[in-house]
Amino acid sequence: MNIIDSINNDEQNYLDLLSSILLYGSLKDDRTKTGTKSKFGTQLRFSLKDGTIPLLTTKKMFIRGIIEELLFFIRGETNSKKLEEKGVNIWKGNTSKEFLDSRGLHHYQEGEMGPMYGYLWRNFNGVDQLKNALELIKKDPDSRRIMVTAYDPSLSKECVLDPCHMFYQLNVDNNKLNMQWYQRSVDCFLGLNIFYRKYIILY
């Protein structure tokens, strides 16, 4: 096999983005006081045709954790203790009592995230956005309103963090489902691969 034929283009695009951030990213301060190198407005594209699910080969992936978190969001849950019971600790640091107190959420019990992600997917001012999106895909696939948002600025102070993956829109074209989502912030080296995998599994 020619080495060119064996290149995973989706993964290579991701690796190229990481290289671009390292070489050309701007140094900026951030909430954690760690500092970042960042680029604004970049985009990656992935294809799921022929049943393909892109999976990184350059790092070990916690597939069970990704799926458990996705199901947690789909159910509209906000207590990360339910994930911790299954050995998924990705929200543990941001729902510790110390972190909650630092956000002024003294009335929250440890593990509570507030009205984030799945909560708003399933209950945005009483609207089940996820259900609506699925119904539109089936009944009105040409609609340009197949959208789900996880950001409600009126609730921002009640959340442990503002959502990173904030908004996604779905489009049906010739019986093929496409999706585009917007993230305000992401750790490209640590978390970006998890975000795109989550949505690939969902759709």
C-alpha atoms as a PDB file:
ATOM      1  CA  MET A   1       0.000   0.000   0.000  1.00  0.00           C
ATOM      2  CA  ASN A   2       1.241   3.462  -0.869  1.00  0.00           C
ATOM      3  CA  ILE A   3       1.773   5.459   2.338  1.00  0.00           C
ATOM      4  CA  ILE A   4      -0.325   8.290   0.881  1.00  0.00           C
ATOM      5  CA  ASP A   5      -3.300   5.920   0.605  1.00  0.00           C
ATOM      6  CA  SER A   6      -3.144   5.113   4.315  1.00  0.00           C
ATOM      7  CA  ILE A   7      -3.404   8.707   5.582  1.00  0.00           C
ATOM      8  CA  ASN A   8      -6.500   9.429   7.669  1.00  0.00           C
ATOM      9  CA  ASN A   9      -7.445  12.829   6.245  1.00  0.00           C
ATOM     10  CA  ASP A  10      -9.792  13.703   9.112  1.00  0.00           C
ATOM     11  CA  GLU A  11      -7.102  13.029  11.677  1.00  0.00           C
ATOM     12  CA  GLN A  12      -4.477  14.818   9.610  1.00  0.00           C
ATOM     13  CA  ASN A  13      -6.657  17.934   9.438  1.00  0.00           C
ATOM     14  CA  TYR A  14      -6.914  17.856  13.232  1.00  0.00           C
ATOM     15  CA  LEU A  15      -3.132  17.449  13.590  1.00  0.00           C
ATOM     16  CA  ASP A  16      -2.561  20.283  11.115  1.00  0.00           C
ATOM     17  CA  LEU A  17      -4.760  22.529  13.259  1.00  0.00           C
ATOM     18  CA  LEU A  18      -2.691  21.682  16.348  1.00  0.00           C
ATOM     19  CA  SER A  19       0.506  22.523  14.462  1.00  0.00           C
ATOM     20  CA  SER A  20      -0.971  25.799  13.263  1.00  0.00           C
ATOM     21  CA  ILE A  21      -1.918  26.789  16.814  1.00  0.00           C
ATOM     22  CA  LEU A  22       1.582  25.993  18.093  1.00  0.00           C
ATOM     23  CA  LEU A  23       3.292  27.885  15.268  1.00  0.00           C
ATOM     24  CA  TYR A  24       0.959  30.831  14.735  1.00  0.00           C
ATOM     25  CA  GLY A  25      -1.379  31.024  17.716  1.00  0.00           C
ATOM     26  CA  SER A  26      -1.702  34.219  19.736  1.00  0.00           C
ATOM     27  CA  LEU A  27      -0.704  34.229  23.391  1.00  0.00           C
ATOM     28  CA  LYS A  28      -3.650  35.194  25.579  1.00  0.00           C
ATOM     29  CA  ASP A  29      -4.659  35.200  29.232  1.00  0.00           C
ATOM     30  CA  ASP A  30      -7.555  33.027  30.334  1.00  0.00           C
ATOM     31  CA  ARG A  31      -9.947  32.260  33.197  1.00  0.00           C
ATOM     32  CA  THR A  32      -7.658  29.595  34.673  1.00  0.00           C
ATOM     33  CA  LYS A  33      -4.619  31.927  34.753  1.00  0.00           C
ATOM     34  CA  THR A  34      -2.694  29.266  32.828  1.00  0.00           C
ATOM     35  CA  GLY A  35      -2.540  31.200  29.573  1.00  0.00           C
ATOM     36  CA  THR A  36      -3.289  29.922  26.092  1.00  0.00           C
ATOM     37  CA  LYS A  37      -2.147  29.887  22.507  1.00  0.00           C
ATOM     38  CA  SER A  38      -5.215  30.396  20.384  1.00  0.00           C
ATOM     39  CA  LYS A  39      -6.651  30.938  16.924  1.00  0.00           C
ATOM     40  CA  PHE A  40     -10.109  32.324  16.305  1.00  0.00           C
ATOM     41  CA  GLY A  41     -12.646  31.027  13.809  1.00  0.00           C
ATOM     42  CA  THR A  42     -10.983  27.848  12.557  1.00  0.00           C
ATOM     43  CA  GLN A  43     -13.064  25.010  11.157  1.00  0.00           C
ATOM     44  CA  LEU A  44     -12.744  21.244  10.772  1.00  0.00           C
ATOM     45  CA  ARG A  45     -14.896  18.970   8.615  1.00  0.00           C
ATOM     46  CA  PHE A  46     -15.544  15.251   9.022  1.00  0.00           C
ATOM     47  CA  SER A  47     -17.368  12.764   6.845  1.00  0.00           C
ATOM     48  CA  LEU A  48     -19.435   9.866   8.161  1.00  0.00           C
ATOM     49  CA  LYS A  49     -20.214   8.334   4.782  1.00  0.00           C
ATOM     50  CA  ASP A  50     -20.037   4.550   4.460  1.00  0.00           C
ATOM     51  CA  GLY A  51     -20.596   4.186   8.207  1.00  0.00           C
ATOM     52  CA  THR A  52     -17.228   5.716   9.080  1.00  0.00           C
ATOM     53  CA  ILE A  53     -16.709   7.181  12.536  1.00  0.00           C
ATOM     54  CA  PRO A  54     -13.394   9.078  12.685  1.00  0.00           C
ATOM     55  CA  LEU A  55     -11.337   8.020  15.681  1.00  0.00           C
ATOM     56  CA  LEU A  56      -7.947   9.415  16.605  1.00  0.00           C
ATOM     57  CA  THR A  57      -5.040   7.011  16.490  1.00  0.00           C
ATOM     58  CA  THR A  58      -2.588   9.514  17.983  1.00  0.00           C
ATOM     59  CA  LYS A  59      -4.000   9.279  21.508  1.00  0.00           C
ATOM     60  CA  LYS A  60      -5.974   6.855  23.635  1.00  0.00           C
ATOM     61  CA  MET A  61      -9.700   7.584  23.545  1.00  0.00           C
ATOM     62  CA  PHE A  62     -12.066   7.042  26.519  1.00  0.00           C
ATOM     63  CA  ILE A  63     -14.984   5.878  24.366  1.00  0.00           C
ATOM     64  CA  ARG A  64     -17.136   4.672  27.268  1.00  0.00           C
ATOM     65  CA  GLY A  65     -16.794   8.055  28.970  1.00  0.00           C
ATOM     66  CA  ILE A  66     -17.747   9.893  25.776  1.00  0.00           C
ATOM     67  CA  ILE A  67     -20.873   7.777  25.345  1.00  0.00           C
ATOM     68  CA  GLU A  68     -21.872   8.047  29.022  1.00  0.00           C
ATOM     69  CA  GLU A  69     -21.564  11.848  28.941  1.00  0.00           C
ATOM     70  CA  LEU A  70     -23.595  12.035  25.733  1.00  0.00           C
ATOM     71  CA  LEU A  71     -26.383   9.907  27.241  1.00  0.00           C
ATOM     72  CA  PHE A  72     -26.211  12.091  30.369  1.00  0.00           C
ATOM     73  CA  PHE A  73     -26.825  15.159  28.185  1.00  0.00           C
ATOM     74  CA  ILE A  74     -29.604  13.487  26.173  1.00  0.00           C
ATOM     75  CA  ARG A  75     -31.414  12.699  29.415  1.00  0.00           C
ATOM     76  CA  GLY A  76     -31.131  16.363  30.432  1.00  0.00           C
ATOM     77  CA  GLU A  77     -29.286  15.518  33.649  1.00  0.00           C
ATOM     78  CA  THR A  78     -27.145  17.960  35.625  1.00  0.00           C
ATOM     79  CA  ASN A  79     -25.732  15.973  38.562  1.00  0.00           C
ATOM     80  CA  SER A  80     -22.239  14.799  37.684  1.00  0.00           C
ATOM     81  CA  LYS A  81     -22.294  12.298  40.542  1.00  0.00           C
ATOM     82  CA  LYS A  82     -24.307  10.073  38.200  1.00  0.00           C
ATOM     83  CA  LEU A  83     -21.318  10.045  35.850  1.00  0.00           C
ATOM     84  CA  GLU A  84     -18.840   9.517  38.683  1.00  0.00           C
ATOM     85  CA  GLU A  85     -20.804   6.431  39.768  1.00  0.00           C
ATOM     86  CA  LYS A  86     -19.949   4.991  36.346  1.00  0.00           C
ATOM     87  CA  GLY A  87     -16.262   5.913  36.596  1.00  0.00           C
ATOM     88  CA  VAL A  88     -16.582   9.024  34.408  1.00  0.00           C
ATOM     89  CA  ASN A  89     -14.908  11.912  36.226  1.00  0.00           C
ATOM     90  CA  ILE A  90     -14.626  14.561  33.524  1.00  0.00           C
ATOM     91  CA  TRP A  91     -16.944  16.963  35.402  1.00  0.00           C
ATOM     92  CA  LYS A  92     -15.638  16.201  38.884  1.00  0.00           C
ATOM     93  CA  GLY A  93     -13.261  19.167  39.082  1.00  0.00           C
ATOM     94  CA  ASN A  94     -15.861  21.684  37.945  1.00  0.00           C
ATOM     95  CA  THR A  95     -18.545  20.392  40.315  1.00  0.00           C
ATOM     96  CA  SER A  96     -16.434  20.065  43.473  1.00  0.00           C
ATOM     97  CA  LYS A  97     -17.598  22.077  46.477  1.00  0.00           C
ATOM     98  CA  GLU A  98     -14.479  24.235  46.208  1.00  0.00           C
ATOM     99  CA  PHE A  99     -15.171  25.097  42.570  1.00  0.00           C
ATOM    100  CA  LEU A 100     -18.875  25.705  43.200  1.00  0.00           C
ATOM    101  CA  ASP A 101     -18.020  28.097  46.022  1.00  0.00           C
ATOM    102  CA  SER A 102     -15.534  29.924  43.778  1.00  0.00           C
ATOM    103  CA  ARG A 103     -18.386  30.538  41.329  1.00  0.00           C
ATOM    104  CA  GLY A 104     -20.670  31.819  44.090  1.00  0.00           C
ATOM    105  CA  LEU A 105     -22.867  28.714  43.838  1.00  0.00           C
ATOM    106  CA  HIS A 106     -22.780  28.041  47.587  1.00  0.00           C
ATOM    107  CA  HIS A 107     -26.333  26.662  47.542  1.00  0.00           C
ATOM    108  CA  TYR A 108     -25.401  23.831  45.131  1.00  0.00           C
ATOM    109  CA  GLN A 109     -24.526  20.420  46.462  1.00  0.00           C
ATOM    110  CA  GLU A 110     -21.293  18.893  45.203  1.00  0.00           C
ATOM    111  CA  GLY A 111     -21.847  17.395  41.762  1.00  0.00           C
ATOM    112  CA  GLU A 112     -24.444  19.913  40.580  1.00  0.00           C
ATOM    113  CA  MET A 113     -23.664  21.608  37.242  1.00  0.00           C
ATOM    114  CA  GLY A 114     -26.643  23.921  36.998  1.00  0.00           C
ATOM    115  CA  PRO A 115     -28.799  24.402  33.857  1.00  0.00           C
ATOM    116  CA  MET A 116     -26.213  23.350  31.303  1.00  0.00           C
ATOM    117  CA  TYR A 117     -25.977  21.412  28.041  1.00  0.00           C
ATOM    118  CA  GLY A 118     -28.530  18.609  28.194  1.00  0.00           C
ATOM    119  CA  TYR A 119     -30.790  20.531  30.555  1.00  0.00           C
ATOM    120  CA  LEU A 120     -31.214  23.250  27.928  1.00  0.00           C
ATOM    121  CA  TRP A 121     -31.343  20.733  25.081  1.00  0.00           C
ATOM    122  CA  ARG A 122     -34.387  19.201  26.757  1.00  0.00           C
ATOM    123  CA  ASN A 123     -35.873  22.176  28.606  1.00  0.00           C
ATOM    124  CA  PHE A 124     -35.134  25.620  27.171  1.00  0.00           C
ATOM    125  CA  ASN A 125     -37.936  27.678  28.743  1.00  0.00           C
ATOM    126  CA  GLY A 126     -40.114  24.566  28.561  1.00  0.00           C
ATOM    127  CA  VAL A 127     -39.077  23.642  25.001  1.00  0.00           C
ATOM    128  CA  ASP A 128     -37.566  20.222  24.288  1.00  0.00           C
ATOM    129  CA  GLN A 129     -35.167  21.360  21.573  1.00  0.00           C
ATOM    130  CA  LEU A 130     -33.772  17.902  20.907  1.00  0.00           C
ATOM    131  CA  LYS A 131     -37.231  16.446  20.349  1.00  0.00           C
ATOM    132  CA  ASN A 132     -38.146  19.367  18.084  1.00  0.00           C
ATOM    133  CA  ALA A 133     -34.991  18.916  16.009  1.00  0.00           C
ATOM    134  CA  LEU A 134     -35.628  15.208  15.513  1.00  0.00           C
ATOM    135  CA  GLU A 135     -39.244  15.857  14.519  1.00  0.00           C
ATOM    136  CA  LEU A 136     -38.191  18.492  11.975  1.00  0.00           C
ATOM    137  CA  ILE A 137     -35.636  16.119  10.453  1.00  0.00           C
ATOM    138  CA  LYS A 138     -38.429  13.587   9.918  1.00  0.00           C
ATOM    139  CA  LYS A 139     -41.329  15.867   8.974  1.00  0.00           C
ATOM    140  CA  ASP A 140     -39.732  18.974   7.446  1.00  0.00           C
ATOM    141  CA  PRO A 141     -36.202  18.044   6.355  1.00  0.00           C
ATOM    142  CA  ASP A 142     -35.875  21.178   4.196  1.00  0.00           C
ATOM    143  CA  SER A 143     -36.309  23.409   7.244  1.00  0.00           C
ATOM    144  CA  ARG A 144     -33.512  25.865   8.014  1.00  0.00           C
ATOM    145  CA  ARG A 145     -34.610  25.932  11.645  1.00  0.00           C
ATOM    146  CA  ILE A 146     -33.305  22.563  12.814  1.00  0.00           C
ATOM    147  CA  MET A 147     -31.229  24.012  15.619  1.00  0.00           C
ATOM    148  CA  VAL A 148     -30.332  23.317  19.255  1.00  0.00           C
ATOM    149  CA  THR A 149     -28.667  25.772  21.625  1.00  0.00           C
ATOM    150  CA  ALA A 150     -27.013  25.151  24.986  1.00  0.00           C
ATOM    151  CA  TYR A 151     -26.536  28.823  25.822  1.00  0.00           C
ATOM    152  CA  ASP A 152     -29.024  30.960  27.711  1.00  0.00           C
ATOM    153  CA  PRO A 153     -27.288  34.152  28.921  1.00  0.00           C
ATOM    154  CA  SER A 154     -29.996  34.686  31.539  1.00  0.00           C
ATOM    155  CA  LEU A 155     -28.873  31.443  33.232  1.00  0.00           C
ATOM    156  CA  SER A 156     -25.128  31.892  32.831  1.00  0.00           C
ATOM    157  CA  LYS A 157     -24.512  32.746  36.487  1.00  0.00           C
ATOM    158  CA  GLU A 158     -26.317  29.564  37.546  1.00  0.00           C
ATOM    159  CA  CYS A 159     -23.934  27.288  35.591  1.00  0.00           C
ATOM    160  CA  VAL A 160     -20.561  26.013  36.762  1.00  0.00           C
ATOM    161  CA  LEU A 161     -19.194  27.078  33.350  1.00  0.00           C
ATOM    162  CA  ASP A 162     -20.573  28.753  30.283  1.00  0.00           C
ATOM    163  CA  PRO A 163     -21.079  26.045  27.652  1.00  0.00           C
ATOM    164  CA  CYS A 164     -18.208  25.494  25.235  1.00  0.00           C
ATOM    165  CA  HIS A 165     -20.165  23.722  22.497  1.00  0.00           C
ATOM    166  CA  MET A 166     -22.977  26.214  22.425  1.00  0.00           C
ATOM    167  CA  PHE A 167     -25.048  25.691  19.333  1.00  0.00           C
ATOM    168  CA  TYR A 168     -25.589  23.246  16.491  1.00  0.00           C
ATOM    169  CA  GLN A 169     -27.639  23.264  13.323  1.00  0.00           C
ATOM    170  CA  LEU A 170     -28.692  20.302  11.219  1.00  0.00           C
ATOM    171  CA  ASN A 171     -29.313  20.221   7.490  1.00  0.00           C
ATOM    172  CA  VAL A 172     -30.788  17.479   5.318  1.00  0.00           C
ATOM    173  CA  ASP A 173     -29.505  17.504   1.737  1.00  0.00           C
ATOM    174  CA  ASN A 174     -30.433  14.710  -0.696  1.00  0.00           C
ATOM    175  CA  ASN A 175     -31.322  12.452   2.241  1.00  0.00           C
ATOM    176  CA  LYS A 176     -27.935  13.078   3.830  1.00  0.00           C
ATOM    177  CA  LEU A 177     -27.760  14.593   7.292  1.00  0.00           C
ATOM    178  CA  ASN A 178     -25.213  17.348   7.841  1.00  0.00           C
ATOM    179  CA  MET A 179     -24.414  19.150  11.041  1.00  0.00           C
ATOM    180  CA  GLN A 180     -22.454  22.246  11.935  1.00  0.00           C
ATOM    181  CA  TRP A 181     -21.795  23.407  15.462  1.00  0.00           C
ATOM    182  CA  TYR A 182     -20.174  26.410  17.071  1.00  0.00           C
ATOM    183  CA  GLN A 183     -17.837  26.367  20.045  1.00  0.00           C
ATOM    184  CA  ARG A 184     -16.855  29.537  21.857  1.00  0.00           C
ATOM    185  CA  SER A 185     -13.837  27.817  23.402  1.00  0.00           C
ATOM    186  CA  VAL A 186     -12.073  24.445  23.335  1.00  0.00           C
ATOM    187  CA  ASP A 187      -8.799  22.905  24.437  1.00  0.00           C
ATOM    188  CA  CYS A 188      -7.808  21.598  21.006  1.00  0.00           C
ATOM    189  CA  PHE A 189      -5.093  19.313  22.334  1.00  0.00           C
ATOM    190  CA  LEU A 190      -7.181  17.737  25.079  1.00  0.00           C
ATOM    191  CA  GLY A 191     -10.897  18.120  24.433  1.00  0.00           C
ATOM    192  CA  LEU A 192     -11.620  18.916  20.790  1.00  0.00           C
ATOM    193  CA  ASN A 193     -11.475  15.297  19.645  1.00  0.00           C
ATOM    194  CA  ILE A 194     -13.960  14.383  22.383  1.00  0.00           C
ATOM    195  CA  PHE A 195     -16.429  17.085  21.323  1.00  0.00           C
ATOM    196  CA  TYR A 196     -16.535  16.112  17.685  1.00  0.00           C
ATOM    197  CA  ARG A 197     -16.753  12.418  18.534  1.00  0.00           C
ATOM    198  CA  LYS A 198     -19.710  13.090  20.830  1.00  0.00           C
ATOM    199  CA  TYR A 199     -21.730  14.741  18.088  1.00  0.00           C
ATOM    200  CA  ILE A 200     -20.679  12.178  15.505  1.00  0.00           C
ATOM    201  CA  ILE A 201     -22.060   9.447  17.777  1.00  0.00           C
ATOM    202  CA  LEU A 202     -25.260  11.437  18.344  1.00  0.00           C
ATOM    203  CA  TYR A 203     -25.978  11.930  14.648  1.00  0.00           C
END
